Amino acid sequence: MSATAAEVGTTDPAAVESADDGSECFLRFLLVNGNDFRMEFPARTSIRGVKNAIIKSKPQELVDLAEKTHSPALEKIDDIRILYLGKFLEDYKTLEGKILLNSERPHSC
């Protein structure tokens, strides 16, 4: 699944074209209950854009976790925190600025 204009957090088509330079990041999200899900994004996608895409796509693993823990559904970007190598990623940074390119790890670009 490739991120769309709405998913990268913009309605400006030029910004989406520049964000989609062919470099894709395949991310694996590990949830607190041990389940995981995967999504794909252009490398220039902001962390905020990733969070927005998660909210919009509502992965079944997140829905199941919310139901099992009686937690409210994720509705705001601030409800999501993404941890990478022991640090929480800041919304304004991009995947290419935070995740090593050409790494063999499944969560990398």
N, C-alpha and C. Protein backbone atom coordinates (compact mmCIF):
# COMPACT_ATOMS: atom_id res chain seq x y z
N MET A 1 0.85 -1.16 0.00
CA MET A 1 0.00 0.00 0.00
C MET A 1 0.90 1.23 0.00
N SER A 2 0.78 2.04 -1.01
CA SER A 2 1.58 3.26 -1.11
C SER A 2 0.76 4.42 -0.56
N ALA A 3 1.41 5.36 0.10
CA ALA A 3 0.71 6.49 0.70
C ALA A 3 0.20 7.44 -0.37
N THR A 4 -0.98 8.00 -0.15
CA THR A 4 -1.57 8.96 -1.07
C THR A 4 -1.36 10.37 -0.53
N ALA A 5 -1.87 11.37 -1.25
CA ALA A 5 -1.73 12.76 -0.81
C ALA A 5 -2.30 12.96 0.58
N ALA A 6 -3.47 12.41 0.83
CA ALA A 6 -4.08 12.57 2.15
C ALA A 6 -3.25 11.89 3.22
N GLU A 7 -2.65 10.77 2.88
CA GLU A 7 -1.90 10.01 3.86
C GLU A 7 -0.58 10.67 4.24
N VAL A 8 0.01 11.42 3.34
CA VAL A 8 1.26 12.09 3.70
C VAL A 8 0.99 13.44 4.34
N GLY A 9 -0.28 13.76 4.57
CA GLY A 9 -0.63 14.96 5.33
C GLY A 9 -0.66 16.23 4.51
N THR A 10 -0.94 16.15 3.21
CA THR A 10 -1.00 17.34 2.39
C THR A 10 -2.05 17.18 1.32
N THR A 11 -2.54 18.30 0.81
CA THR A 11 -3.46 18.28 -0.32
C THR A 11 -2.78 18.88 -1.55
N ASP A 12 -1.53 19.26 -1.44
CA ASP A 12 -0.77 19.87 -2.53
C ASP A 12 -0.18 18.77 -3.41
N PRO A 13 -0.70 18.61 -4.66
CA PRO A 13 -0.20 17.55 -5.53
C PRO A 13 1.29 17.65 -5.80
N ALA A 14 1.84 18.85 -5.87
CA ALA A 14 3.27 19.01 -6.13
C ALA A 14 4.08 18.43 -4.97
N ALA A 15 3.59 18.60 -3.77
CA ALA A 15 4.30 18.07 -2.60
C ALA A 15 4.30 16.54 -2.62
N VAL A 16 3.20 15.96 -3.08
CA VAL A 16 3.13 14.50 -3.14
C VAL A 16 4.08 13.98 -4.20
N GLU A 17 4.13 14.64 -5.37
CA GLU A 17 5.04 14.20 -6.42
C GLU A 17 6.48 14.25 -5.94
N SER A 18 6.84 15.33 -5.24
CA SER A 18 8.22 15.43 -4.76
C SER A 18 8.47 14.43 -3.64
N ALA A 19 7.41 14.08 -2.91
CA ALA A 19 7.57 13.10 -1.83
C ALA A 19 7.72 11.70 -2.39
N ASP A 20 7.24 11.47 -3.61
CA ASP A 20 7.28 10.14 -4.19
C ASP A 20 8.38 10.07 -5.24
N ASP A 21 9.62 9.99 -4.79
CA ASP A 21 10.76 9.97 -5.71
C ASP A 21 11.19 8.54 -6.05
N GLY A 22 10.37 7.58 -5.71
CA GLY A 22 10.70 6.19 -6.00
C GLY A 22 11.26 5.44 -4.81
N SER A 23 11.73 6.14 -3.78
CA SER A 23 12.24 5.49 -2.58
C SER A 23 11.07 5.15 -1.68
N GLU A 24 10.91 3.90 -1.40
CA GLU A 24 9.81 3.45 -0.56
C GLU A 24 10.34 2.92 0.76
N CYS A 25 9.59 3.16 1.81
CA CYS A 25 9.90 2.60 3.12
C CYS A 25 8.83 1.57 3.45
N PHE A 26 9.25 0.39 3.81
CA PHE A 26 8.35 -0.67 4.23
C PHE A 26 8.48 -0.76 5.75
N LEU A 27 7.43 -0.35 6.44
CA LEU A 27 7.49 -0.27 7.90
C LEU A 27 6.69 -1.40 8.55
N ARG A 28 7.25 -1.93 9.60
CA ARG A 28 6.56 -2.93 10.43
C ARG A 28 6.30 -2.27 11.77
N PHE A 29 5.03 -2.23 12.15
CA PHE A 29 4.64 -1.64 13.43
C PHE A 29 4.34 -2.75 14.41
N LEU A 30 5.06 -2.78 15.52
CA LEU A 30 4.87 -3.77 16.57
C LEU A 30 4.03 -3.13 17.67
N LEU A 31 2.90 -3.73 17.98
CA LEU A 31 1.99 -3.19 18.99
C LEU A 31 2.33 -3.73 20.37
N VAL A 32 1.82 -3.08 21.40
CA VAL A 32 2.14 -3.48 22.77
C VAL A 32 1.68 -4.89 23.11
N ASN A 33 0.71 -5.42 22.37
CA ASN A 33 0.24 -6.78 22.66
C ASN A 33 1.01 -7.84 21.87
N GLY A 34 2.05 -7.42 21.12
CA GLY A 34 2.87 -8.35 20.37
C GLY A 34 2.45 -8.53 18.92
N ASN A 35 1.25 -8.11 18.55
CA ASN A 35 0.81 -8.19 17.15
C ASN A 35 1.53 -7.11 16.34
N ASP A 36 1.52 -7.28 15.04
CA ASP A 36 2.15 -6.28 14.19
C ASP A 36 1.36 -6.09 12.91
N PHE A 37 1.66 -5.00 12.19
CA PHE A 37 1.10 -4.77 10.87
C PHE A 37 2.15 -4.01 10.07
N ARG A 38 2.00 -4.03 8.76
CA ARG A 38 2.99 -3.41 7.87
C ARG A 38 2.31 -2.42 6.95
N MET A 39 3.05 -1.35 6.63
CA MET A 39 2.58 -0.34 5.69
C MET A 39 3.77 0.15 4.88
N GLU A 40 3.49 0.73 3.73
CA GLU A 40 4.52 1.23 2.83
C GLU A 40 4.30 2.72 2.59
N PHE A 41 5.40 3.49 2.58
CA PHE A 41 5.32 4.95 2.41
C PHE A 41 6.48 5.43 1.55
N PRO A 42 6.28 6.56 0.84
CA PRO A 42 7.42 7.21 0.20
C PRO A 42 8.42 7.63 1.28
N ALA A 43 9.70 7.61 0.96
CA ALA A 43 10.75 7.91 1.94
C ALA A 43 10.63 9.32 2.52
N ARG A 44 10.10 10.24 1.76
CA ARG A 44 10.00 11.62 2.24
C ARG A 44 8.76 11.91 3.07
N THR A 45 8.00 10.89 3.40
CA THR A 45 6.80 11.06 4.22
C THR A 45 7.21 11.47 5.63
N SER A 46 6.50 12.45 6.17
CA SER A 46 6.77 12.87 7.55
C SER A 46 6.20 11.83 8.52
N ILE A 47 6.72 11.84 9.73
CA ILE A 47 6.20 10.95 10.77
C ILE A 47 4.73 11.28 11.01
N ARG A 48 4.39 12.56 10.97
CA ARG A 48 2.99 12.97 11.11
C ARG A 48 2.14 12.35 10.00
N GLY A 49 2.67 12.31 8.78
CA GLY A 49 1.97 11.68 7.66
C GLY A 49 1.77 10.19 7.87
N VAL A 50 2.76 9.53 8.45
CA VAL A 50 2.64 8.11 8.77
C VAL A 50 1.52 7.90 9.79
N LYS A 51 1.51 8.72 10.83
CA LYS A 51 0.47 8.61 11.85
C LYS A 51 -0.91 8.85 11.25
N ASN A 52 -1.01 9.84 10.38
CA ASN A 52 -2.28 10.15 9.73
C ASN A 52 -2.75 8.96 8.89
N ALA A 53 -1.84 8.32 8.18
CA ALA A 53 -2.19 7.15 7.36
C ALA A 53 -2.67 5.99 8.22
N ILE A 54 -2.05 5.81 9.38
CA ILE A 54 -2.47 4.74 10.30
C ILE A 54 -3.90 4.99 10.75
N ILE A 55 -4.20 6.23 11.12
CA ILE A 55 -5.55 6.56 11.57
C ILE A 55 -6.57 6.34 10.46
N LYS A 56 -6.23 6.79 9.26
CA LYS A 56 -7.17 6.66 8.13
C LYS A 56 -7.38 5.21 7.70
N SER A 57 -6.33 4.39 7.74
CA SER A 57 -6.47 3.01 7.26
C SER A 57 -7.03 2.06 8.32
N LYS A 58 -6.97 2.44 9.58
CA LYS A 58 -7.48 1.63 10.68
C LYS A 58 -7.11 0.14 10.54
N PRO A 59 -5.83 -0.18 10.67
CA PRO A 59 -5.42 -1.58 10.56
C PRO A 59 -6.19 -2.46 11.55
N GLN A 60 -6.59 -3.63 11.10
CA GLN A 60 -7.39 -4.53 11.93
C GLN A 60 -6.69 -4.86 13.24
N GLU A 61 -5.37 -4.96 13.22
CA GLU A 61 -4.62 -5.27 14.45
C GLU A 61 -4.81 -4.19 15.50
N LEU A 62 -4.89 -2.92 15.08
CA LEU A 62 -5.14 -1.82 16.02
C LEU A 62 -6.57 -1.85 16.53
N VAL A 63 -7.51 -2.15 15.65
CA VAL A 63 -8.91 -2.24 16.05
C VAL A 63 -9.08 -3.35 17.09
N ASP A 64 -8.46 -4.50 16.82
CA ASP A 64 -8.53 -5.63 17.76
C ASP A 64 -7.93 -5.27 19.11
N LEU A 65 -6.78 -4.59 19.10
CA LEU A 65 -6.13 -4.19 20.35
C LEU A 65 -7.03 -3.24 21.15
N ALA A 66 -7.64 -2.28 20.48
CA ALA A 66 -8.53 -1.33 21.16
C ALA A 66 -9.72 -2.06 21.78
N GLU A 67 -10.27 -3.02 21.06
CA GLU A 67 -11.42 -3.78 21.59
C GLU A 67 -11.02 -4.62 22.80
N LYS A 68 -9.88 -5.29 22.71
CA LYS A 68 -9.44 -6.17 23.80
C LYS A 68 -9.06 -5.40 25.06
N THR A 69 -8.54 -4.20 24.89
CA THR A 69 -8.11 -3.41 26.05
C THR A 69 -9.14 -2.37 26.46
N HIS A 70 -10.29 -2.39 25.79
CA HIS A 70 -11.36 -1.43 26.05
C HIS A 70 -10.86 0.01 25.95
N SER A 71 -9.96 0.23 24.99
CA SER A 71 -9.40 1.56 24.75
C SER A 71 -10.23 2.25 23.67
N PRO A 72 -10.27 3.58 23.71
CA PRO A 72 -10.96 4.29 22.63
C PRO A 72 -10.20 4.12 21.32
N ALA A 73 -10.92 4.19 20.23
CA ALA A 73 -10.28 4.08 18.91
C ALA A 73 -9.35 5.27 18.69
N LEU A 74 -8.30 5.05 17.93
CA LEU A 74 -7.39 6.14 17.60
C LEU A 74 -8.08 7.11 16.65
N GLU A 75 -8.14 8.36 17.06
CA GLU A 75 -8.82 9.36 16.23
C GLU A 75 -7.94 10.57 15.96
N LYS A 76 -6.90 10.77 16.77
CA LYS A 76 -6.03 11.94 16.62
C LYS A 76 -4.59 11.49 16.44
N ILE A 77 -3.85 12.28 15.69
CA ILE A 77 -2.44 11.99 15.47
C ILE A 77 -1.69 11.93 16.80
N ASP A 78 -2.08 12.76 17.75
CA ASP A 78 -1.39 12.78 19.04
C ASP A 78 -1.64 11.51 19.87
N ASP A 79 -2.59 10.67 19.42
CA ASP A 79 -2.85 9.40 20.12
C ASP A 79 -1.80 8.34 19.80
N ILE A 80 -0.97 8.61 18.79
CA ILE A 80 0.01 7.62 18.33
C ILE A 80 1.42 8.10 18.64
N ARG A 81 2.23 7.21 19.18
CA ARG A 81 3.66 7.48 19.37
C ARG A 81 4.41 6.35 18.67
N ILE A 82 5.38 6.74 17.87
CA ILE A 82 6.17 5.75 17.14
C ILE A 82 7.57 5.71 17.72
N LEU A 83 7.94 4.55 18.18
CA LEU A 83 9.24 4.33 18.81
C LEU A 83 10.15 3.63 17.80
N TYR A 84 11.37 4.18 17.62
CA TYR A 84 12.33 3.58 16.70
C TYR A 84 13.70 3.64 17.35
N LEU A 85 14.32 2.48 17.52
CA LEU A 85 15.63 2.37 18.16
C LEU A 85 15.69 3.09 19.50
N GLY A 86 14.63 2.92 20.29
CA GLY A 86 14.60 3.46 21.63
C GLY A 86 14.22 4.93 21.76
N LYS A 87 13.86 5.58 20.66
CA LYS A 87 13.49 6.99 20.71
C LYS A 87 12.15 7.21 20.02
N PHE A 88 11.34 8.12 20.60
CA PHE A 88 10.09 8.48 19.96
C PHE A 88 10.37 9.42 18.80
N LEU A 89 9.79 9.12 17.64
CA LEU A 89 10.02 9.93 16.45
C LEU A 89 9.17 11.20 16.52
N GLU A 90 9.76 12.30 16.10
CA GLU A 90 9.09 13.60 16.13
C GLU A 90 8.30 13.79 14.84
N ASP A 91 7.10 14.38 14.96
CA ASP A 91 6.18 14.51 13.84
C ASP A 91 6.76 15.22 12.62
N TYR A 92 7.62 16.18 12.81
CA TYR A 92 8.10 16.99 11.70
C TYR A 92 9.22 16.33 10.90
N LYS A 93 9.79 15.25 11.42
CA LYS A 93 10.88 14.57 10.71
C LYS A 93 10.31 13.62 9.66
N THR A 94 11.15 13.28 8.69
CA THR A 94 10.72 12.37 7.64
C THR A 94 11.31 10.99 7.84
N LEU A 95 10.75 10.02 7.15
CA LEU A 95 11.28 8.66 7.23
C LEU A 95 12.72 8.61 6.74
N GLU A 96 13.01 9.30 5.65
CA GLU A 96 14.37 9.25 5.12
C GLU A 96 15.36 9.93 6.04
N GLY A 97 14.90 10.83 6.88
CA GLY A 97 15.78 11.51 7.82
C GLY A 97 16.00 10.71 9.09
N LYS A 98 15.18 9.68 9.33
CA LYS A 98 15.26 8.93 10.57
C LYS A 98 15.63 7.47 10.41
N ILE A 99 15.28 6.90 9.29
CA ILE A 99 15.47 5.46 9.11
C ILE A 99 16.56 5.23 8.08
N LEU A 100 17.48 4.37 8.38
CA LEU A 100 18.62 4.12 7.49
C LEU A 100 18.15 3.64 6.12
N LEU A 101 18.68 4.26 5.08
CA LEU A 101 18.36 3.84 3.72
C LEU A 101 19.11 2.55 3.37
N ASN A 102 18.47 1.74 2.55
CA ASN A 102 19.06 0.52 2.04
C ASN A 102 19.49 -0.47 3.12
N SER A 103 18.86 -0.39 4.26
CA SER A 103 19.15 -1.35 5.32
C SER A 103 18.43 -2.65 5.00
N GLU A 104 18.92 -3.74 5.53
CA GLU A 104 18.27 -5.02 5.29
C GLU A 104 17.18 -5.30 6.31
N ARG A 105 16.97 -4.41 7.24
CA ARG A 105 15.92 -4.60 8.23
C ARG A 105 14.56 -4.43 7.56
N PRO A 106 13.54 -5.21 7.92
CA PRO A 106 12.24 -5.12 7.26
C PRO A 106 11.52 -3.79 7.51
N HIS A 107 11.90 -3.05 8.54
CA HIS A 107 11.21 -1.80 8.85
C HIS A 107 11.88 -0.59 8.20
N SER A 108 12.87 -0.81 7.39
CA SER A 108 13.68 0.27 6.85
C SER A 108 13.31 0.61 5.43
N CYS A 109 13.88 1.74 4.97
CA CYS A 109 13.70 2.17 3.60
C CYS A 109 14.57 1.32 2.70
